[in-house]
Amino acid sequence: MGISKRILKIINGKGMSASKFASTIDVRRSNLSHILSGRNKPSNDFFHKIKKIYPETDLNWLITGEKLKKDSNFVKSEAGEVDSVIVFFNDGSYKKFND
């Protein structure tokens, strides 16, 4: 599935017309039309606008077609499970705070 089909999948999932979607993310209808037809490639700004309005959008999937895999090293901590906090300073130094 190409990027234009993934964009269409988002548009259809929102129950919108392409015109309404373009208006919602603040892009010209003609720009969206050119992207959907494959004439133009979407810009970084285009992706940013989608993510701003629809933060639940998986940009990795939208751009590459692959779902973002959860990193086993990146796990959200439950309350009370924080071992330490590290603060990074502008000069490159850091300080670790333990509970």
PDB file of N, CA and C in Angstrom:
ATOM      1  N   MET A   1       0.855  -1.179   0.000  1.00  0.00           N
ATOM      2  CA  MET A   1       0.000   0.000   0.000  1.00  0.00           C
ATOM      3  C   MET A   1       0.896   1.235   0.000  1.00  0.00           C
ATOM      4  N   GLY A   2       0.667   2.110  -0.950  1.00  0.00           N
ATOM      5  CA  GLY A   2       1.455   3.331  -1.063  1.00  0.00           C
ATOM      6  C   GLY A   2       0.991   4.405  -0.100  1.00  0.00           C
ATOM      7  N   ILE A   3       1.783   5.457  -0.024  1.00  0.00           N
ATOM      8  CA  ILE A   3       1.486   6.528   0.925  1.00  0.00           C
ATOM      9  C   ILE A   3       0.148   7.199   0.633  1.00  0.00           C
ATOM     10  N   SER A   4      -0.203   7.355  -0.640  1.00  0.00           N
ATOM     11  CA  SER A   4      -1.483   7.994  -0.958  1.00  0.00           C
ATOM     12  C   SER A   4      -2.649   7.143  -0.453  1.00  0.00           C
ATOM     13  N   LYS A   5      -2.514   5.824  -0.539  1.00  0.00           N
ATOM     14  CA  LYS A   5      -3.578   4.941  -0.033  1.00  0.00           C
ATOM     15  C   LYS A   5      -3.652   4.995   1.489  1.00  0.00           C
ATOM     16  N   ARG A   6      -2.502   5.161   2.154  1.00  0.00           N
ATOM     17  CA  ARG A   6      -2.519   5.280   3.615  1.00  0.00           C
ATOM     18  C   ARG A   6      -3.168   6.593   4.045  1.00  0.00           C
ATOM     19  N   ILE A   7      -2.896   7.660   3.290  1.00  0.00           N
ATOM     20  CA  ILE A   7      -3.542   8.942   3.585  1.00  0.00           C
ATOM     21  C   ILE A   7      -5.050   8.811   3.374  1.00  0.00           C
ATOM     22  N   LEU A   8      -5.454   8.165   2.276  1.00  0.00           N
ATOM     23  CA  LEU A   8      -6.878   7.938   2.031  1.00  0.00           C
ATOM     24  C   LEU A   8      -7.517   7.106   3.139  1.00  0.00           C
ATOM     25  N   LYS A   9      -6.767   6.159   3.661  1.00  0.00           N
ATOM     26  CA  LYS A   9      -7.280   5.331   4.750  1.00  0.00           C
ATOM     27  C   LYS A   9      -7.561   6.189   5.986  1.00  0.00           C
ATOM     28  N   ILE A  10      -6.681   7.150   6.253  1.00  0.00           N
ATOM     29  CA  ILE A  10      -6.911   8.072   7.372  1.00  0.00           C
ATOM     30  C   ILE A  10      -8.142   8.930   7.096  1.00  0.00           C
ATOM     31  N   ILE A  11      -8.220   9.478   5.893  1.00  0.00           N
ATOM     32  CA  ILE A  11      -9.352  10.336   5.526  1.00  0.00           C
ATOM     33  C   ILE A  11     -10.662   9.567   5.669  1.00  0.00           C
ATOM     34  N   ASN A  12     -10.718   8.358   5.109  1.00  0.00           N
ATOM     35  CA  ASN A  12     -11.934   7.549   5.188  1.00  0.00           C
ATOM     36  C   ASN A  12     -12.241   7.141   6.618  1.00  0.00           C
ATOM     37  N   GLY A  13     -11.192   6.866   7.397  1.00  0.00           N
ATOM     38  CA  GLY A  13     -11.384   6.496   8.797  1.00  0.00           C
ATOM     39  C   GLY A  13     -11.975   7.621   9.617  1.00  0.00           C
ATOM     40  N   LYS A  14     -11.712   8.841   9.203  1.00  0.00           N
ATOM     41  CA  LYS A  14     -12.274  10.009   9.886  1.00  0.00           C
ATOM     42  C   LYS A  14     -13.663  10.349   9.349  1.00  0.00           C
ATOM     43  N   GLY A  15     -14.089   9.622   8.312  1.00  0.00           N
ATOM     44  CA  GLY A  15     -15.404   9.879   7.726  1.00  0.00           C
ATOM     45  C   GLY A  15     -15.486  11.223   7.024  1.00  0.00           C
ATOM     46  N   MET A  16     -14.386  11.635   6.420  1.00  0.00           N
ATOM     47  CA  MET A  16     -14.323  12.950   5.781  1.00  0.00           C
ATOM     48  C   MET A  16     -14.139  12.822   4.279  1.00  0.00           C
ATOM     49  N   SER A  17     -14.433  13.904   3.617  1.00  0.00           N
ATOM     50  CA  SER A  17     -14.058  14.021   2.210  1.00  0.00           C
ATOM     51  C   SER A  17     -12.611  14.513   2.185  1.00  0.00           C
ATOM     52  N   ALA A  18     -11.954  14.354   1.063  1.00  0.00           N
ATOM     53  CA  ALA A  18     -10.584  14.842   0.927  1.00  0.00           C
ATOM     54  C   ALA A  18     -10.552  16.360   1.116  1.00  0.00           C
ATOM     55  N   SER A  19     -11.568  17.023   0.621  1.00  0.00           N
ATOM     56  CA  SER A  19     -11.646  18.474   0.748  1.00  0.00           C
ATOM     57  C   SER A  19     -11.739  18.904   2.216  1.00  0.00           C
ATOM     58  N   LYS A  20     -12.568  18.236   2.976  1.00  0.00           N
ATOM     59  CA  LYS A  20     -12.725  18.547   4.406  1.00  0.00           C
ATOM     60  C   LYS A  20     -11.432  18.237   5.159  1.00  0.00           C
ATOM     61  N   PHE A  21     -10.782  17.132   4.830  1.00  0.00           N
ATOM     62  CA  PHE A  21      -9.522  16.770   5.468  1.00  0.00           C
ATOM     63  C   PHE A  21      -8.471  17.839   5.198  1.00  0.00           C
ATOM     64  N   ALA A  22      -8.358  18.277   3.952  1.00  0.00           N
ATOM     65  CA  ALA A  22      -7.394  19.324   3.598  1.00  0.00           C
ATOM     66  C   ALA A  22      -7.652  20.581   4.412  1.00  0.00           C
ATOM     67  N   SER A  23      -8.890  20.957   4.525  1.00  0.00           N
ATOM     68  CA  SER A  23      -9.252  22.139   5.299  1.00  0.00           C
ATOM     69  C   SER A  23      -8.906  21.956   6.773  1.00  0.00           C
ATOM     70  N   THR A  24      -9.176  20.768   7.300  1.00  0.00           N
ATOM     71  CA  THR A  24      -8.926  20.484   8.717  1.00  0.00           C
ATOM     72  C   THR A  24      -7.444  20.564   9.056  1.00  0.00           C
ATOM     73  N   ILE A  25      -6.583  20.056   8.182  1.00  0.00           N
ATOM     74  CA  ILE A  25      -5.140  20.091   8.470  1.00  0.00           C
ATOM     75  C   ILE A  25      -4.469  21.341   7.892  1.00  0.00           C
ATOM     76  N   ASP A  26      -5.257  22.223   7.319  1.00  0.00           N
ATOM     77  CA  ASP A  26      -4.788  23.509   6.807  1.00  0.00           C
ATOM     78  C   ASP A  26      -3.791  23.378   5.654  1.00  0.00           C
ATOM     79  N   VAL A  27      -4.189  22.599   4.650  1.00  0.00           N
ATOM     80  CA  VAL A  27      -3.433  22.539   3.400  1.00  0.00           C
ATOM     81  C   VAL A  27      -4.403  22.818   2.254  1.00  0.00           C
ATOM     82  N   ARG A  28      -3.872  23.254   1.146  1.00  0.00           N
ATOM     83  CA  ARG A  28      -4.722  23.510  -0.021  1.00  0.00           C
ATOM     84  C   ARG A  28      -5.276  22.195  -0.550  1.00  0.00           C
ATOM     85  N   ARG A  29      -6.514  22.255  -1.009  1.00  0.00           N
ATOM     86  CA  ARG A  29      -7.133  21.049  -1.585  1.00  0.00           C
ATOM     87  C   ARG A  29      -6.326  20.546  -2.767  1.00  0.00           C
ATOM     88  N   SER A  30      -5.808  21.474  -3.569  1.00  0.00           N
ATOM     89  CA  SER A  30      -5.022  21.061  -4.737  1.00  0.00           C
ATOM     90  C   SER A  30      -3.745  20.344  -4.313  1.00  0.00           C
ATOM     91  N   ASN A  31      -3.121  20.789  -3.219  1.00  0.00           N
ATOM     92  CA  ASN A  31      -1.912  20.106  -2.733  1.00  0.00           C
ATOM     93  C   ASN A  31      -2.236  18.681  -2.324  1.00  0.00           C
ATOM     94  N   LEU A  32      -3.333  18.512  -1.584  1.00  0.00           N
ATOM     95  CA  LEU A  32      -3.733  17.167  -1.173  1.00  0.00           C
ATOM     96  C   LEU A  32      -4.068  16.321  -2.389  1.00  0.00           C
ATOM     97  N   SER A  33      -4.745  16.906  -3.354  1.00  0.00           N
ATOM     98  CA  SER A  33      -5.097  16.183  -4.572  1.00  0.00           C
ATOM     99  C   SER A  33      -3.852  15.693  -5.304  1.00  0.00           C
ATOM    100  N   HIS A  34      -2.831  16.542  -5.395  1.00  0.00           N
ATOM    101  CA  HIS A  34      -1.581  16.166  -6.060  1.00  0.00           C
ATOM    102  C   HIS A  34      -0.869  15.042  -5.300  1.00  0.00           C
ATOM    103  N   ILE A  35      -0.939  15.079  -3.980  1.00  0.00           N
ATOM    104  CA  ILE A  35      -0.325  14.018  -3.171  1.00  0.00           C
ATOM    105  C   ILE A  35      -1.082  12.712  -3.366  1.00  0.00           C
ATOM    106  N   LEU A  36      -2.417  12.786  -3.328  1.00  0.00           N
ATOM    107  CA  LEU A  36      -3.229  11.579  -3.476  1.00  0.00           C
ATOM    108  C   LEU A  36      -3.094  10.959  -4.861  1.00  0.00           C
ATOM    109  N   SER A  37      -2.867  11.783  -5.864  1.00  0.00           N
ATOM    110  CA  SER A  37      -2.708  11.261  -7.229  1.00  0.00           C
ATOM    111  C   SER A  37      -1.306  10.715  -7.485  1.00  0.00           C
ATOM    112  N   GLY A  38      -0.374  11.019  -6.581  1.00  0.00           N
ATOM    113  CA  GLY A  38       1.000  10.575  -6.756  1.00  0.00           C
ATOM    114  C   GLY A  38       1.866  11.567  -7.520  1.00  0.00           C
ATOM    115  N   ARG A  39       1.276  12.681  -7.926  1.00  0.00           N
ATOM    116  CA  ARG A  39       2.036  13.689  -8.666  1.00  0.00           C
ATOM    117  C   ARG A  39       3.130  14.311  -7.784  1.00  0.00           C
ATOM    118  N   ASN A  40       2.778  14.632  -6.527  1.00  0.00           N
ATOM    119  CA  ASN A  40       3.722  15.226  -5.587  1.00  0.00           C
ATOM    120  C   ASN A  40       3.892  14.313  -4.382  1.00  0.00           C
ATOM    121  N   LYS A  41       5.047  14.421  -3.754  1.00  0.00           N
ATOM    122  CA  LYS A  41       5.288  13.697  -2.505  1.00  0.00           C
ATOM    123  C   LYS A  41       4.965  14.635  -1.348  1.00  0.00           C
ATOM    124  N   PRO A  42       4.426  14.081  -0.268  1.00  0.00           N
ATOM    125  CA  PRO A  42       4.119  14.943   0.880  1.00  0.00           C
ATOM    126  C   PRO A  42       5.395  15.465   1.534  1.00  0.00           C
ATOM    127  N   SER A  43       5.313  16.684   2.034  1.00  0.00           N
ATOM    128  CA  SER A  43       6.454  17.307   2.709  1.00  0.00           C
ATOM    129  C   SER A  43       6.433  16.967   4.195  1.00  0.00           C
ATOM    130  N   ASN A  44       7.533  17.280   4.867  1.00  0.00           N
ATOM    131  CA  ASN A  44       7.567  17.116   6.320  1.00  0.00           C
ATOM    132  C   ASN A  44       6.497  17.965   6.984  1.00  0.00           C
ATOM    133  N   ASP A  45       6.274  19.159   6.450  1.00  0.00           N
ATOM    134  CA  ASP A  45       5.248  20.040   6.990  1.00  0.00           C
ATOM    135  C   ASP A  45       3.865  19.398   6.884  1.00  0.00           C
ATOM    136  N   PHE A  46       3.606  18.701   5.804  1.00  0.00           N
ATOM    137  CA  PHE A  46       2.333  18.010   5.613  1.00  0.00           C
ATOM    138  C   PHE A  46       2.130  16.972   6.717  1.00  0.00           C
ATOM    139  N   PHE A  47       3.170  16.175   6.982  1.00  0.00           N
ATOM    140  CA  PHE A  47       3.073  15.171   8.045  1.00  0.00           C
ATOM    141  C   PHE A  47       2.892  15.824   9.405  1.00  0.00           C
ATOM    142  N   HIS A  48       3.606  16.922   9.618  1.00  0.00           N
ATOM    143  CA  HIS A  48       3.504  17.649  10.885  1.00  0.00           C
ATOM    144  C   HIS A  48       2.073  18.146  11.107  1.00  0.00           C
ATOM    145  N   LYS A  49       1.447  18.640  10.051  1.00  0.00           N
ATOM    146  CA  LYS A  49       0.077  19.140  10.168  1.00  0.00           C
ATOM    147  C   LYS A  49      -0.902  18.018  10.505  1.00  0.00           C
ATOM    148  N   ILE A  50      -0.698  16.849   9.921  1.00  0.00           N
ATOM    149  CA  ILE A  50      -1.555  15.703  10.244  1.00  0.00           C
ATOM    150  C   ILE A  50      -1.377  15.324  11.710  1.00  0.00           C
ATOM    151  N   LYS A  51      -0.134  15.235  12.152  1.00  0.00           N
ATOM    152  CA  LYS A  51       0.156  14.826  13.532  1.00  0.00           C
ATOM    153  C   LYS A  51      -0.369  15.848  14.537  1.00  0.00           C
ATOM    154  N   LYS A  52      -0.319  17.127  14.170  1.00  0.00           N
ATOM    155  CA  LYS A  52      -0.809  18.188  15.065  1.00  0.00           C
ATOM    156  C   LYS A  52      -2.313  18.058  15.288  1.00  0.00           C
ATOM    157  N   ILE A  53      -3.061  17.795  14.247  1.00  0.00           N
ATOM    158  CA  ILE A  53      -4.520  17.697  14.349  1.00  0.00           C
ATOM    159  C   ILE A  53      -4.950  16.310  14.812  1.00  0.00           C
ATOM    160  N   TYR A  54      -4.231  15.295  14.393  1.00  0.00           N
ATOM    161  CA  TYR A  54      -4.558  13.908  14.746  1.00  0.00           C
ATOM    162  C   TYR A  54      -3.347  13.253  15.419  1.00  0.00           C
ATOM    163  N   PRO A  55      -3.101  13.587  16.691  1.00  0.00           N
ATOM    164  CA  PRO A  55      -1.898  13.090  17.372  1.00  0.00           C
ATOM    165  C   PRO A  55      -1.831  11.571  17.499  1.00  0.00           C
ATOM    166  N   GLU A  56      -2.953  10.902  17.355  1.00  0.00           N
ATOM    167  CA  GLU A  56      -2.964   9.440  17.447  1.00  0.00           C
ATOM    168  C   GLU A  56      -2.408   8.773  16.193  1.00  0.00           C
ATOM    169  N   THR A  57      -2.151   9.544  15.158  1.00  0.00           N
ATOM    170  CA  THR A  57      -1.644   9.005  13.897  1.00  0.00           C
ATOM    171  C   THR A  57      -0.227   8.479  14.060  1.00  0.00           C
ATOM    172  N   ASP A  58      -0.001   7.266  13.619  1.00  0.00           N
ATOM    173  CA  ASP A  58       1.327   6.655  13.647  1.00  0.00           C
ATOM    174  C   ASP A  58       2.071   7.115  12.392  1.00  0.00           C
ATOM    175  N   LEU A  59       2.934   8.111  12.561  1.00  0.00           N
ATOM    176  CA  LEU A  59       3.655   8.646  11.400  1.00  0.00           C
ATOM    177  C   LEU A  59       4.583   7.624  10.775  1.00  0.00           C
ATOM    178  N   ASN A  60       5.114   6.722  11.570  1.00  0.00           N
ATOM    179  CA  ASN A  60       5.967   5.676  11.006  1.00  0.00           C
ATOM    180  C   ASN A  60       5.166   4.852   9.998  1.00  0.00           C
ATOM    181  N   TRP A  61       3.948   4.473  10.368  1.00  0.00           N
ATOM    182  CA  TRP A  61       3.086   3.722   9.454  1.00  0.00           C
ATOM    183  C   TRP A  61       2.719   4.573   8.239  1.00  0.00           C
ATOM    184  N   LEU A  62       2.373   5.832   8.493  1.00  0.00           N
ATOM    185  CA  LEU A  62       1.962   6.699   7.388  1.00  0.00           C
ATOM    186  C   LEU A  62       3.086   6.860   6.360  1.00  0.00           C
ATOM    187  N   ILE A  63       4.299   7.023   6.824  1.00  0.00           N
ATOM    188  CA  ILE A  63       5.425   7.271   5.921  1.00  0.00           C
ATOM    189  C   ILE A  63       5.969   5.980   5.312  1.00  0.00           C
ATOM    190  N   THR A  64       6.141   4.945   6.130  1.00  0.00           N
ATOM    191  CA  THR A  64       6.797   3.728   5.655  1.00  0.00           C
ATOM    192  C   THR A  64       5.857   2.562   5.385  1.00  0.00           C
ATOM    193  N   GLY A  65       4.670   2.607   5.960  1.00  0.00           N
ATOM    194  CA  GLY A  65       3.739   1.490   5.830  1.00  0.00           C
ATOM    195  C   GLY A  65       3.940   0.436   6.901  1.00  0.00           C
ATOM    196  N   GLU A  66       4.885   0.668   7.809  1.00  0.00           N
ATOM    197  CA  GLU A  66       5.164  -0.296   8.871  1.00  0.00           C
ATOM    198  C   GLU A  66       4.769   0.290  10.219  1.00  0.00           C
ATOM    199  N   LYS A  67       4.099  -0.526  11.016  1.00  0.00           N
ATOM    200  CA  LYS A  67       3.720  -0.102  12.362  1.00  0.00           C
ATOM    201  C   LYS A  67       4.978   0.056  13.200  1.00  0.00           C
ATOM    202  N   LEU A  68       4.968   1.058  14.065  1.00  0.00           N
ATOM    203  CA  LEU A  68       6.089   1.263  14.967  1.00  0.00           C
ATOM    204  C   LEU A  68       6.097   0.150  15.999  1.00  0.00           C
ATOM    205  N   LYS A  69       7.226  -0.523  16.091  1.00  0.00           N
ATOM    206  CA  LYS A  69       7.342  -1.615  17.056  1.00  0.00           C
ATOM    207  C   LYS A  69       7.714  -1.042  18.406  1.00  0.00           C
ATOM    208  N   LYS A  70       7.081  -1.570  19.431  1.00  0.00           N
ATOM    209  CA  LYS A  70       7.403  -1.101  20.769  1.00  0.00           C
ATOM    210  C   LYS A  70       8.783  -1.592  21.150  1.00  0.00           C
ATOM    211  N   ASP A  71       9.577  -0.682  21.654  1.00  0.00           N
ATOM    212  CA  ASP A  71      10.917  -1.005  22.112  1.00  0.00           C
ATOM    213  C   ASP A  71      10.815  -1.572  23.514  1.00  0.00           C
ATOM    214  N   SER A  72      11.326  -2.765  23.701  1.00  0.00           N
ATOM    215  CA  SER A  72      11.221  -3.411  25.007  1.00  0.00           C
ATOM    216  C   SER A  72      12.000  -2.648  26.074  1.00  0.00           C
ATOM    217  N   ASN A  73      12.940  -1.790  25.660  1.00  0.00           N
ATOM    218  CA  ASN A  73      13.692  -0.993  26.626  1.00  0.00           C
ATOM    219  C   ASN A  73      12.973   0.292  27.000  1.00  0.00           C
ATOM    220  N   PHE A  74      11.915   0.623  26.275  1.00  0.00           N
ATOM    221  CA  PHE A  74      11.169   1.844  26.550  1.00  0.00           C
ATOM    222  C   PHE A  74       9.792   1.448  27.058  1.00  0.00           C
ATOM    223  N   VAL A  75       9.653   1.458  28.361  1.00  0.00           N
ATOM    224  CA  VAL A  75       8.406   1.046  28.992  1.00  0.00           C
ATOM    225  C   VAL A  75       7.945   2.169  29.899  1.00  0.00           C
ATOM    226  N   LYS A  76       6.691   2.521  29.808  1.00  0.00           N
ATOM    227  CA  LYS A  76       6.153   3.547  30.692  1.00  0.00           C
ATOM    228  C   LYS A  76       6.112   3.000  32.114  1.00  0.00           C
ATOM    229  N   SER A  77       6.603   3.788  32.994  1.00  0.00           N
ATOM    230  CA  SER A  77       6.657   3.376  34.391  1.00  0.00           C
ATOM    231  C   SER A  77       5.314   3.623  35.071  1.00  0.00           C
ATOM    232  N   GLU A  78       4.935   2.725  35.934  1.00  0.00           N
ATOM    233  CA  GLU A  78       3.751   2.909  36.758  1.00  0.00           C
ATOM    234  C   GLU A  78       4.116   3.836  37.909  1.00  0.00           C
ATOM    235  N   ALA A  79       3.138   4.536  38.457  1.00  0.00           N
ATOM    236  CA  ALA A  79       3.383   5.435  39.578  1.00  0.00           C
ATOM    237  C   ALA A  79       4.055   4.675  40.713  1.00  0.00           C
ATOM    238  N   GLY A  80       5.070   5.306  41.297  1.00  0.00           N
ATOM    239  CA  GLY A  80       5.763   4.690  42.417  1.00  0.00           C
ATOM    240  C   GLY A  80       6.921   3.795  42.016  1.00  0.00           C
ATOM    241  N   GLU A  81       7.164   3.603  40.745  1.00  0.00           N
ATOM    242  CA  GLU A  81       8.238   2.718  40.303  1.00  0.00           C
ATOM    243  C   GLU A  81       9.475   3.459  39.806  1.00  0.00           C
ATOM    244  N   VAL A  82       9.501   4.764  39.957  1.00  0.00           N
ATOM    245  CA  VAL A  82      10.644   5.536  39.470  1.00  0.00           C
ATOM    246  C   VAL A  82      11.816   5.332  40.411  1.00  0.00           C
ATOM    247  N   ASP A  83      12.935   4.907  39.861  1.00  0.00           N
ATOM    248  CA  ASP A  83      14.137   4.661  40.653  1.00  0.00           C
ATOM    249  C   ASP A  83      14.968   5.923  40.786  1.00  0.00           C
ATOM    250  N   SER A  84      15.084   6.668  39.686  1.00  0.00           N
ATOM    251  CA  SER A  84      15.881   7.888  39.706  1.00  0.00           C
ATOM    252  C   SER A  84      15.461   8.794  38.562  1.00  0.00           C
ATOM    253  N   VAL A  85      15.895  10.049  38.660  1.00  0.00           N
ATOM    254  CA  VAL A  85      15.631  11.040  37.626  1.00  0.00           C
ATOM    255  C   VAL A  85      16.970  11.655  37.246  1.00  0.00           C
ATOM    256  N   ILE A  86      17.193  11.817  35.954  1.00  0.00           N
ATOM    257  CA  ILE A  86      18.432  12.426  35.480  1.00  0.00           C
ATOM    258  C   ILE A  86      18.089  13.747  34.808  1.00  0.00           C
ATOM    259  N   VAL A  87      18.797  14.810  35.224  1.00  0.00           N
ATOM    260  CA  VAL A  87      18.603  16.137  34.639  1.00  0.00           C
ATOM    261  C   VAL A  87      19.843  16.455  33.814  1.00  0.00           C
ATOM    262  N   PHE A  88      19.643  16.794  32.531  1.00  0.00           N
ATOM    263  CA  PHE A  88      20.735  17.154  31.633  1.00  0.00           C
ATOM    264  C   PHE A  88      20.821  18.673  31.537  1.00  0.00           C
ATOM    265  N   PHE A  89      22.028  19.202  31.649  1.00  0.00           N
ATOM    266  CA  PHE A  89      22.253  20.630  31.597  1.00  0.00           C
ATOM    267  C   PHE A  89      22.811  21.029  30.232  1.00  0.00           C
ATOM    268  N   ASN A  90      22.689  22.309  29.884  1.00  0.00           N
ATOM    269  CA  ASN A  90      23.130  22.809  28.580  1.00  0.00           C
ATOM    270  C   ASN A  90      24.609  22.587  28.324  1.00  0.00           C
ATOM    271  N   ASP A  91      25.418  22.549  29.372  1.00  0.00           N
ATOM    272  CA  ASP A  91      26.864  22.378  29.179  1.00  0.00           C
ATOM    273  C   ASP A  91      27.257  20.919  28.952  1.00  0.00           C
ATOM    274  N   GLY A  92      26.270  20.013  28.874  1.00  0.00           N
ATOM    275  CA  GLY A  92      26.548  18.606  28.629  1.00  0.00           C
ATOM    276  C   GLY A  92      26.657  17.774  29.887  1.00  0.00           C
ATOM    277  N   SER A  93      26.668  18.423  31.032  1.00  0.00           N
ATOM    278  CA  SER A  93      26.737  17.678  32.286  1.00  0.00           C
ATOM    279  C   SER A  93      25.340  17.216  32.678  1.00  0.00           C
ATOM    280  N   TYR A  94      25.298  16.365  33.663  1.00  0.00           N
ATOM    281  CA  TYR A  94      24.016  15.877  34.151  1.00  0.00           C
ATOM    282  C   TYR A  94      24.117  15.561  35.626  1.00  0.00           C
ATOM    283  N   LYS A  95      22.964  15.446  36.258  1.00  0.00           N
ATOM    284  CA  LYS A  95      22.914  15.088  37.670  1.00  0.00           C
ATOM    285  C   LYS A  95      21.811  14.061  37.854  1.00  0.00           C
ATOM    286  N   LYS A  96      22.134  13.008  38.571  1.00  0.00           N
ATOM    287  CA  LYS A  96      21.186  11.936  38.827  1.00  0.00           C
ATOM    288  C   LYS A  96      20.615  12.123  40.232  1.00  0.00           C
ATOM    289  N   PHE A  97      19.300  12.058  40.342  1.00  0.00           N
ATOM    290  CA  PHE A  97      18.620  12.175  41.631  1.00  0.00           C
ATOM    291  C   PHE A  97      17.943  10.851  41.937  1.00  0.00           C
ATOM    292  N   ASN A  98      18.273  10.297  43.086  1.00  0.00           N
ATOM    293  CA  ASN A  98      17.650   9.047  43.551  1.00  0.00           C
ATOM    294  C   ASN A  98      16.617   9.362  44.621  1.00  0.00           C
ATOM    295  N   ASP A  99      15.628   8.538  44.675  1.00  0.00           N
ATOM    296  CA  ASP A  99      14.581   8.703  45.682  1.00  0.00           C
ATOM    297  C   ASP A  99      15.037   8.181  47.025  1.00  0.00           C
TER     298      ASP A  99
END
